[in-house]
Structure formats: C-alpha cells, structure tokens
Amino acid sequence: MKQTILTYTETTMTAPIITSVEIQATPSEVFQFATVAANWKRWHPATISVSGNVHRSAMPGETIDEKIRVGWYRGTARWTVRQRRAPSTAHEGRWVIEGRADNGGTARIVYVLASEKGGTRFTRSLTYTTPNRFYAWLDRLFMHRLLVRQSE
C-alpha cells in the first residue's frame, strides 16, 4: 500500500489515501463489480447503504447517495460520476466520482484497473477535504487513520 503525506491548510485538509491490490479476475469483471454501487457495502466497510443509480455502473453526470460511517461519524454523501472508461485491450479502466458529505466535506475517488499477471491491478485513490478547522483537528487526531484502515 502506498500513501502520500498529509497537507494541512488553515481550514481544510487534503489527504490522499491510495490502496492497490491484485485481483484474480479480468479488468472488465472487476470494473463491473466495483463500479456498481449496490456492491459497495460488500467490500468497503464505510458503506452502510446506497441509493440512486446503484444496480449498474453509473455513467458520467449520474449520482449515487451513500450512507457512510467512519468510526463514530455517521453521515451521507452524494457522489457524481465524473469519468467512466471501461477497461479494454487498448487501455486501462478508470472511474472517477466526486462527492460532498452532509457535514460539508468533499471527496474524490478514482479507480484504476489494469491488466496484470493474468488478473487485475485495482488501485483506489481517495482524496478528501475537511469542512472546517474542527474536522481538520479530528482528522489529524484519528479520522485519517480510520479512513486508511477502512481502505486497506
């Protein structure tokens, strides 16, 4: 797992969390599973439930609502798909969503899927900002570590 250094500003904090795993399935199979929001709670512990375009891979401009939990925090986020490129023999797959939580924080998640060793290298990158100094302080104390743990 590769992580980058946190960058704090006066009122918000941006913290990329990058995880990568090799999966013994084709890039197309992994893309279809990972980009269908109804599957999120099966593989990501922050997801409580989802609604909206959840039973198929959402297209650019479409939205997904997610109830989330990170430690004691419970909230909702609305995600908008910004890019969807299914994998092919010519290029790797890429799916980008951007969202805003009900506490005012924002996030961007990028999935990259590349063919590797007869399977798929799946890389997930989460970049987020906190809505104010209080959340930046909480993030520095423990929330970022919880997000890293949930992303592993």
C-alpha atoms as a PDB file:
ATOM      1  CA  MET A   1       0.000   0.000   0.000  1.00  0.00           C
ATOM      2  CA  LYS A   2       1.321   3.427  -0.920  1.00  0.00           C
ATOM      3  CA  GLN A   3       0.344   6.603   0.943  1.00  0.00           C
ATOM      4  CA  THR A   4       1.253  10.215   0.434  1.00  0.00           C
ATOM      5  CA  ILE A   5       1.981  12.876   3.033  1.00  0.00           C
ATOM      6  CA  LEU A   6      -0.871  14.911   4.518  1.00  0.00           C
ATOM      7  CA  THR A   7      -1.068  18.590   3.610  1.00  0.00           C
ATOM      8  CA  TYR A   8      -2.821  20.850   6.129  1.00  0.00           C
ATOM      9  CA  THR A   9      -4.115  24.336   5.387  1.00  0.00           C
ATOM     10  CA  GLU A  10      -5.716  26.795   7.746  1.00  0.00           C
ATOM     11  CA  THR A  11      -9.292  25.490   7.498  1.00  0.00           C
ATOM     12  CA  THR A  12      -9.231  22.288   5.469  1.00  0.00           C
ATOM     13  CA  MET A  13      -7.033  19.260   4.992  1.00  0.00           C
ATOM     14  CA  THR A  14      -6.404  17.210   1.900  1.00  0.00           C
ATOM     15  CA  ALA A  15      -5.210  13.640   2.405  1.00  0.00           C
ATOM     16  CA  PRO A  16      -4.764  11.207  -0.467  1.00  0.00           C
ATOM     17  CA  ILE A  17      -5.157   7.571   0.538  1.00  0.00           C
ATOM     18  CA  ILE A  18      -4.016   5.192  -2.188  1.00  0.00           C
ATOM     19  CA  THR A  19      -4.511   1.449  -1.988  1.00  0.00           C
ATOM     20  CA  SER A  20      -3.725  -1.155  -4.598  1.00  0.00           C
ATOM     21  CA  VAL A  21      -4.457  -4.873  -4.786  1.00  0.00           C
ATOM     22  CA  GLU A  22      -4.087  -7.649  -7.331  1.00  0.00           C
ATOM     23  CA  ILE A  23      -7.379  -9.459  -8.035  1.00  0.00           C
ATOM     24  CA  GLN A  24      -7.650 -12.770  -9.865  1.00  0.00           C
ATOM     25  CA  ALA A  25     -10.365 -11.669 -12.286  1.00  0.00           C
ATOM     26  CA  THR A  26     -10.388  -9.801 -15.574  1.00  0.00           C
ATOM     27  CA  PRO A  27     -10.309  -5.987 -15.543  1.00  0.00           C
ATOM     28  CA  SER A  28     -13.817  -5.973 -17.046  1.00  0.00           C
ATOM     29  CA  GLU A  29     -15.174  -8.206 -14.260  1.00  0.00           C
ATOM     30  CA  VAL A  30     -13.551  -6.096 -11.543  1.00  0.00           C
ATOM     31  CA  PHE A  31     -14.764  -2.851 -13.171  1.00  0.00           C
ATOM     32  CA  GLN A  32     -18.324  -4.167 -13.362  1.00  0.00           C
ATOM     33  CA  PHE A  33     -18.265  -5.230  -9.698  1.00  0.00           C
ATOM     34  CA  ALA A  34     -16.501  -2.185  -8.205  1.00  0.00           C
ATOM     35  CA  THR A  35     -18.461   0.488 -10.088  1.00  0.00           C
ATOM     36  CA  VAL A  36     -21.900  -0.923  -9.244  1.00  0.00           C
ATOM     37  CA  ALA A  37     -22.787   0.904  -6.029  1.00  0.00           C
ATOM     38  CA  ALA A  38     -25.055  -1.901  -4.796  1.00  0.00           C
ATOM     39  CA  ASN A  39     -21.838  -3.916  -4.303  1.00  0.00           C
ATOM     40  CA  TRP A  40     -20.007  -1.274  -2.218  1.00  0.00           C
ATOM     41  CA  LYS A  41     -21.207  -2.490   1.171  1.00  0.00           C
ATOM     42  CA  ARG A  42     -19.951  -5.984   0.243  1.00  0.00           C
ATOM     43  CA  TRP A  43     -16.348  -4.765   0.018  1.00  0.00           C
ATOM     44  CA  HIS A  44     -15.991  -1.342   1.655  1.00  0.00           C
ATOM     45  CA  PRO A  45     -16.629  -1.041   5.419  1.00  0.00           C
ATOM     46  CA  ALA A  46     -17.559   2.681   5.323  1.00  0.00           C
ATOM     47  CA  THR A  47     -20.691   1.992   3.253  1.00  0.00           C
ATOM     48  CA  ILE A  48     -23.906   1.456   5.201  1.00  0.00           C
ATOM     49  CA  SER A  49     -26.283   1.726   2.240  1.00  0.00           C
ATOM     50  CA  VAL A  50     -26.642   3.318  -1.203  1.00  0.00           C
ATOM     51  CA  SER A  51     -29.494   4.708  -3.298  1.00  0.00           C
ATOM     52  CA  GLY A  52     -29.914   6.173  -6.762  1.00  0.00           C
ATOM     53  CA  ASN A  53     -28.166   4.539  -9.733  1.00  0.00           C
ATOM     54  CA  VAL A  54     -26.972   1.542  -7.740  1.00  0.00           C
ATOM     55  CA  HIS A  55     -27.699  -1.605  -9.800  1.00  0.00           C
ATOM     56  CA  ARG A  56     -25.457  -0.798 -12.751  1.00  0.00           C
ATOM     57  CA  SER A  57     -22.246   1.067 -13.370  1.00  0.00           C
ATOM     58  CA  ALA A  58     -23.305   4.730 -13.214  1.00  0.00           C
ATOM     59  CA  MET A  59     -22.493   6.975 -16.151  1.00  0.00           C
ATOM     60  CA  PRO A  60     -20.912  10.466 -16.081  1.00  0.00           C
ATOM     61  CA  GLY A  61     -23.298  13.017 -14.591  1.00  0.00           C
ATOM     62  CA  GLU A  62     -25.346  10.441 -12.680  1.00  0.00           C
ATOM     63  CA  THR A  63     -25.477  10.500  -8.877  1.00  0.00           C
ATOM     64  CA  ILE A  64     -25.324   7.971  -6.070  1.00  0.00           C
ATOM     65  CA  ASP A  65     -26.300   8.684  -2.452  1.00  0.00           C
ATOM     66  CA  GLU A  66     -24.325   6.797   0.193  1.00  0.00           C
ATOM     67  CA  LYS A  67     -24.849   6.475   3.939  1.00  0.00           C
ATOM     68  CA  ILE A  68     -21.393   6.184   5.476  1.00  0.00           C
ATOM     69  CA  ARG A  69     -19.679   5.506   8.772  1.00  0.00           C
ATOM     70  CA  VAL A  70     -16.119   6.252   9.781  1.00  0.00           C
ATOM     71  CA  GLY A  71     -15.559   5.487  13.443  1.00  0.00           C
ATOM     72  CA  TRP A  72     -18.268   7.346  15.375  1.00  0.00           C
ATOM     73  CA  TYR A  73     -19.157   9.580  12.404  1.00  0.00           C
ATOM     74  CA  ARG A  74     -22.340   8.707  10.516  1.00  0.00           C
ATOM     75  CA  GLY A  75     -23.403  10.756   7.558  1.00  0.00           C
ATOM     76  CA  THR A  76     -24.442  10.850   3.941  1.00  0.00           C
ATOM     77  CA  ALA A  77     -22.581  11.699   0.780  1.00  0.00           C
ATOM     78  CA  ARG A  78     -23.830  12.427  -2.712  1.00  0.00           C
ATOM     79  CA  TRP A  79     -21.454  11.188  -5.398  1.00  0.00           C
ATOM     80  CA  THR A  80     -21.461  12.336  -9.017  1.00  0.00           C
ATOM     81  CA  VAL A  81     -19.713  10.248 -11.646  1.00  0.00           C
ATOM     82  CA  ARG A  82     -17.163  12.422 -13.460  1.00  0.00           C
ATOM     83  CA  GLN A  83     -15.474   9.831 -15.672  1.00  0.00           C
ATOM     84  CA  ARG A  84     -16.221   6.271 -16.745  1.00  0.00           C
ATOM     85  CA  ARG A  85     -13.885   4.385 -19.033  1.00  0.00           C
ATOM     86  CA  ALA A  86     -14.374   0.632 -19.060  1.00  0.00           C
ATOM     87  CA  PRO A  87     -11.146  -1.356 -19.466  1.00  0.00           C
ATOM     88  CA  SER A  88     -10.240  -2.779 -22.857  1.00  0.00           C
ATOM     89  CA  THR A  89      -7.229  -4.331 -24.517  1.00  0.00           C
ATOM     90  CA  ALA A  90      -6.225  -0.827 -25.645  1.00  0.00           C
ATOM     91  CA  HIS A  91      -6.379   0.976 -22.274  1.00  0.00           C
ATOM     92  CA  GLU A  92      -6.843   0.555 -18.546  1.00  0.00           C
ATOM     93  CA  GLY A  93     -10.200   1.151 -16.896  1.00  0.00           C
ATOM     94  CA  ARG A  94     -10.861   4.339 -14.963  1.00  0.00           C
ATOM     95  CA  TRP A  95     -13.838   5.510 -12.891  1.00  0.00           C
ATOM     96  CA  VAL A  96     -13.931   8.865 -11.104  1.00  0.00           C
ATOM     97  CA  ILE A  97     -16.555  10.084  -8.643  1.00  0.00           C
ATOM     98  CA  GLU A  98     -16.695  13.333  -6.693  1.00  0.00           C
ATOM     99  CA  GLY A  99     -18.906  13.925  -3.716  1.00  0.00           C
ATOM    100  CA  ARG A 100     -19.997  16.149  -0.883  1.00  0.00           C
ATOM    101  CA  ALA A 101     -20.882  14.899   2.579  1.00  0.00           C
ATOM    102  CA  ASP A 102     -23.658  16.356   4.697  1.00  0.00           C
ATOM    103  CA  ASN A 103     -21.002  17.885   7.002  1.00  0.00           C
ATOM    104  CA  GLY A 104     -19.651  19.957   4.074  1.00  0.00           C
ATOM    105  CA  GLY A 105     -16.545  17.874   3.376  1.00  0.00           C
ATOM    106  CA  THR A 106     -15.723  16.925  -0.195  1.00  0.00           C
ATOM    107  CA  ALA A 107     -14.049  13.881  -1.694  1.00  0.00           C
ATOM    108  CA  ARG A 108     -12.807  12.438  -4.957  1.00  0.00           C
ATOM    109  CA  ILE A 109     -12.386   8.701  -5.534  1.00  0.00           C
ATOM    110  CA  VAL A 110     -10.547   7.299  -8.538  1.00  0.00           C
ATOM    111  CA  TYR A 111     -10.492   3.623  -9.515  1.00  0.00           C
ATOM    112  CA  VAL A 112      -7.834   2.493 -11.992  1.00  0.00           C
ATOM    113  CA  LEU A 113      -7.922  -1.063 -13.312  1.00  0.00           C
ATOM    114  CA  ALA A 114      -5.007  -2.505 -15.266  1.00  0.00           C
ATOM    115  CA  SER A 115      -4.360  -5.987 -16.590  1.00  0.00           C
ATOM    116  CA  GLU A 116      -1.575  -7.644 -14.610  1.00  0.00           C
ATOM    117  CA  LYS A 117      -0.277 -11.225 -14.376  1.00  0.00           C
ATOM    118  CA  GLY A 118      -3.468 -12.767 -15.713  1.00  0.00           C
ATOM    119  CA  GLY A 119      -5.602 -10.724 -13.314  1.00  0.00           C
ATOM    120  CA  THR A 120      -6.248  -7.081 -12.453  1.00  0.00           C
ATOM    121  CA  ARG A 121      -4.301  -4.460 -10.558  1.00  0.00           C
ATOM    122  CA  PHE A 122      -7.071  -2.438  -8.855  1.00  0.00           C
ATOM    123  CA  THR A 123      -5.968   0.916  -7.451  1.00  0.00           C
ATOM    124  CA  ARG A 124      -8.281   3.134  -5.416  1.00  0.00           C
ATOM    125  CA  SER A 125      -7.337   6.711  -4.588  1.00  0.00           C
ATOM    126  CA  LEU A 126      -9.329   8.772  -2.086  1.00  0.00           C
ATOM    127  CA  THR A 127      -8.662  12.484  -1.743  1.00  0.00           C
ATOM    128  CA  TYR A 128     -10.805  14.483   0.642  1.00  0.00           C
ATOM    129  CA  THR A 129     -11.108  17.857   2.321  1.00  0.00           C
ATOM    130  CA  THR A 130     -12.492  18.600   5.737  1.00  0.00           C
ATOM    131  CA  PRO A 131     -15.145  21.305   6.043  1.00  0.00           C
ATOM    132  CA  ASN A 132     -13.555  23.346   8.844  1.00  0.00           C
ATOM    133  CA  ARG A 133     -10.780  23.510  11.457  1.00  0.00           C
ATOM    134  CA  PHE A 134     -12.636  21.303  13.917  1.00  0.00           C
ATOM    135  CA  TYR A 135     -12.906  18.444  11.407  1.00  0.00           C
ATOM    136  CA  ALA A 136      -9.282  19.034  10.350  1.00  0.00           C
ATOM    137  CA  TRP A 137      -8.278  18.641  14.004  1.00  0.00           C
ATOM    138  CA  LEU A 138     -10.334  15.428  14.361  1.00  0.00           C
ATOM    139  CA  ASP A 139      -8.839  14.166  11.135  1.00  0.00           C
ATOM    140  CA  ARG A 140      -5.325  14.793  12.363  1.00  0.00           C
ATOM    141  CA  LEU A 141      -6.063  13.058  15.691  1.00  0.00           C
ATOM    142  CA  PHE A 142      -7.713   9.869  14.411  1.00  0.00           C
ATOM    143  CA  MET A 143     -10.144  10.104  11.481  1.00  0.00           C
ATOM    144  CA  HIS A 144      -7.433   9.835   8.819  1.00  0.00           C
ATOM    145  CA  ARG A 145      -6.088   6.640  10.435  1.00  0.00           C
ATOM    146  CA  LEU A 146      -9.609   5.197  10.456  1.00  0.00           C
ATOM    147  CA  LEU A 147     -10.041   6.017   6.764  1.00  0.00           C
ATOM    148  CA  VAL A 148      -6.702   4.383   5.956  1.00  0.00           C
ATOM    149  CA  ARG A 149      -7.699   1.262   7.899  1.00  0.00           C
ATOM    150  CA  GLN A 150     -11.064   1.107   6.110  1.00  0.00           C
ATOM    151  CA  SER A 151      -9.354   1.493   2.742  1.00  0.00           C
ATOM    152  CA  GLU A 152      -6.926  -1.390   3.239  1.00  0.00           C
END
